[in-house]
Amino acid sequence: MPRFYDTCAGPIDGLYLPPIAWAVLQREGIHTLEQLAGLADRLEHVEGIEPRMAEVIREALARVASPEERVFREMPLGAIGPWCA
């Protein structure tokens, strides 16, 4: 998938987001990973965050989530395809 947004480090350690996302989060008073995670399901409703930007932010959150916080969708055996033997 091509990258539509250049990312950079911001005030939340380990998270790389587009500068416009950092500006919106700062305006909204989001300063911690926990605050951002709490807002993750409503990002499209924040003024200045379009659906694609919300997706980019959620992907970045998924990358920094600790292994015990990651949730994987369960799939039936064989549902992933023959290339995953």
C-alpha atoms as a PDB file:
ATOM      1  CA  MET A   1       0.000   0.000   0.000  1.00  0.00           C
ATOM      2  CA  PRO A   2       1.474   3.371  -0.916  1.00  0.00           C
ATOM      3  CA  ARG A   3       2.079   5.911   1.808  1.00  0.00           C
ATOM      4  CA  PHE A   4      -0.171   8.898   1.324  1.00  0.00           C
ATOM      5  CA  TYR A   5       1.207  10.813   4.272  1.00  0.00           C
ATOM      6  CA  ASP A   6       4.747  11.444   5.423  1.00  0.00           C
ATOM      7  CA  THR A   7       5.086  10.736   9.114  1.00  0.00           C
ATOM      8  CA  CYS A   8       7.252  12.120  11.868  1.00  0.00           C
ATOM      9  CA  ALA A   9       7.806  11.600  15.568  1.00  0.00           C
ATOM     10  CA  GLY A  10       5.702  13.715  17.848  1.00  0.00           C
ATOM     11  CA  PRO A  11       5.062  14.222  21.537  1.00  0.00           C
ATOM     12  CA  ILE A  12       3.838  10.628  22.060  1.00  0.00           C
ATOM     13  CA  ASP A  13       6.917   8.384  22.217  1.00  0.00           C
ATOM     14  CA  GLY A  14       7.102   5.665  19.588  1.00  0.00           C
ATOM     15  CA  LEU A  15       4.242   7.017  17.514  1.00  0.00           C
ATOM     16  CA  TYR A  16       4.873   8.370  14.014  1.00  0.00           C
ATOM     17  CA  LEU A  17       2.044  10.351  12.459  1.00  0.00           C
ATOM     18  CA  PRO A  18       1.610  12.965   9.737  1.00  0.00           C
ATOM     19  CA  PRO A  19       2.254  16.522  10.963  1.00  0.00           C
ATOM     20  CA  ILE A  20      -1.402  17.471  10.368  1.00  0.00           C
ATOM     21  CA  ALA A  21      -2.487  14.637  12.679  1.00  0.00           C
ATOM     22  CA  TRP A  22      -0.140  15.889  15.403  1.00  0.00           C
ATOM     23  CA  ALA A  23      -1.599  19.396  15.012  1.00  0.00           C
ATOM     24  CA  VAL A  24      -5.178  18.135  15.360  1.00  0.00           C
ATOM     25  CA  LEU A  25      -4.305  15.958  18.365  1.00  0.00           C
ATOM     26  CA  GLN A  26      -2.579  18.878  20.056  1.00  0.00           C
ATOM     27  CA  ARG A  27      -5.607  21.093  19.412  1.00  0.00           C
ATOM     28  CA  GLU A  28      -7.857  18.389  20.911  1.00  0.00           C
ATOM     29  CA  GLY A  29      -5.650  18.021  24.008  1.00  0.00           C
ATOM     30  CA  ILE A  30      -4.514  14.471  23.211  1.00  0.00           C
ATOM     31  CA  HIS A  31      -1.080  14.067  24.800  1.00  0.00           C
ATOM     32  CA  THR A  32      -0.800  10.381  25.720  1.00  0.00           C
ATOM     33  CA  LEU A  33      -1.086   7.034  23.985  1.00  0.00           C
ATOM     34  CA  GLU A  34      -3.934   6.115  26.340  1.00  0.00           C
ATOM     35  CA  GLN A  35      -5.909   9.242  25.404  1.00  0.00           C
ATOM     36  CA  LEU A  36      -5.419   8.539  21.711  1.00  0.00           C
ATOM     37  CA  ALA A  37      -6.391   4.886  22.091  1.00  0.00           C
ATOM     38  CA  GLY A  38      -9.575   6.000  23.838  1.00  0.00           C
ATOM     39  CA  LEU A  39     -10.423   8.206  20.883  1.00  0.00           C
ATOM     40  CA  ALA A  40      -9.468   5.668  18.196  1.00  0.00           C
ATOM     41  CA  ASP A  41     -13.005   4.516  17.387  1.00  0.00           C
ATOM     42  CA  ARG A  42     -14.241   8.109  16.956  1.00  0.00           C
ATOM     43  CA  LEU A  43     -11.374   9.667  14.996  1.00  0.00           C
ATOM     44  CA  GLU A  44     -13.513  10.442  11.934  1.00  0.00           C
ATOM     45  CA  HIS A  45     -15.705  12.671  14.121  1.00  0.00           C
ATOM     46  CA  VAL A  46     -12.790  14.914  15.092  1.00  0.00           C
ATOM     47  CA  GLU A  47     -12.656  18.054  12.975  1.00  0.00           C
ATOM     48  CA  GLY A  48      -9.647  17.896  10.665  1.00  0.00           C
ATOM     49  CA  ILE A  49      -9.320  14.098  10.554  1.00  0.00           C
ATOM     50  CA  GLU A  50     -10.643  12.546   7.378  1.00  0.00           C
ATOM     51  CA  PRO A  51     -11.327   8.789   7.094  1.00  0.00           C
ATOM     52  CA  ARG A  52      -7.953   7.957   5.489  1.00  0.00           C
ATOM     53  CA  MET A  53      -6.104   9.932   8.186  1.00  0.00           C
ATOM     54  CA  ALA A  54      -8.077   8.066  10.865  1.00  0.00           C
ATOM     55  CA  GLU A  55      -6.948   4.796   9.283  1.00  0.00           C
ATOM     56  CA  VAL A  56      -3.307   5.946   9.296  1.00  0.00           C
ATOM     57  CA  ILE A  57      -3.586   6.847  12.982  1.00  0.00           C
ATOM     58  CA  ARG A  58      -5.180   3.502  13.870  1.00  0.00           C
ATOM     59  CA  GLU A  59      -2.443   1.641  11.979  1.00  0.00           C
ATOM     60  CA  ALA A  60       0.210   3.576  13.911  1.00  0.00           C
ATOM     61  CA  LEU A  61      -1.552   2.760  17.186  1.00  0.00           C
ATOM     62  CA  ALA A  62      -1.615  -0.933  16.283  1.00  0.00           C
ATOM     63  CA  ARG A  63       2.136  -0.878  15.642  1.00  0.00           C
ATOM     64  CA  VAL A  64       2.941   0.577  19.067  1.00  0.00           C
ATOM     65  CA  ALA A  65       0.456  -1.499  21.077  1.00  0.00           C
ATOM     66  CA  SER A  66       2.150  -3.944  23.393  1.00  0.00           C
ATOM     67  CA  PRO A  67       1.794  -7.622  22.401  1.00  0.00           C
ATOM     68  CA  GLU A  68      -0.664  -8.319  25.224  1.00  0.00           C
ATOM     69  CA  GLU A  69      -2.871  -5.423  24.074  1.00  0.00           C
ATOM     70  CA  ARG A  70      -3.025  -6.558  20.462  1.00  0.00           C
ATOM     71  CA  VAL A  71      -6.207  -8.293  19.431  1.00  0.00           C
ATOM     72  CA  PHE A  72      -6.133 -10.745  16.569  1.00  0.00           C
ATOM     73  CA  ARG A  73      -9.260 -11.838  14.813  1.00  0.00           C
ATOM     74  CA  GLU A  74      -9.700 -15.590  15.097  1.00  0.00           C
ATOM     75  CA  MET A  75     -10.007 -17.355  11.762  1.00  0.00           C
ATOM     76  CA  PRO A  76     -10.900 -20.961  11.009  1.00  0.00           C
ATOM     77  CA  LEU A  77      -7.979 -23.197  10.055  1.00  0.00           C
ATOM     78  CA  GLY A  78      -7.366 -22.984   6.324  1.00  0.00           C
ATOM     79  CA  ALA A  79      -9.174 -19.661   5.938  1.00  0.00           C
ATOM     80  CA  ILE A  80      -5.947 -17.705   5.451  1.00  0.00           C
ATOM     81  CA  GLY A  81      -5.015 -19.382   2.225  1.00  0.00           C
ATOM     82  CA  PRO A  82      -2.682 -22.081   0.945  1.00  0.00           C
ATOM     83  CA  TRP A  83       0.409 -19.825   1.000  1.00  0.00           C
ATOM     84  CA  CYS A  84       0.420 -19.817   4.825  1.00  0.00           C
ATOM     85  CA  ALA A  85       1.254 -23.466   5.349  1.00  0.00           C
END
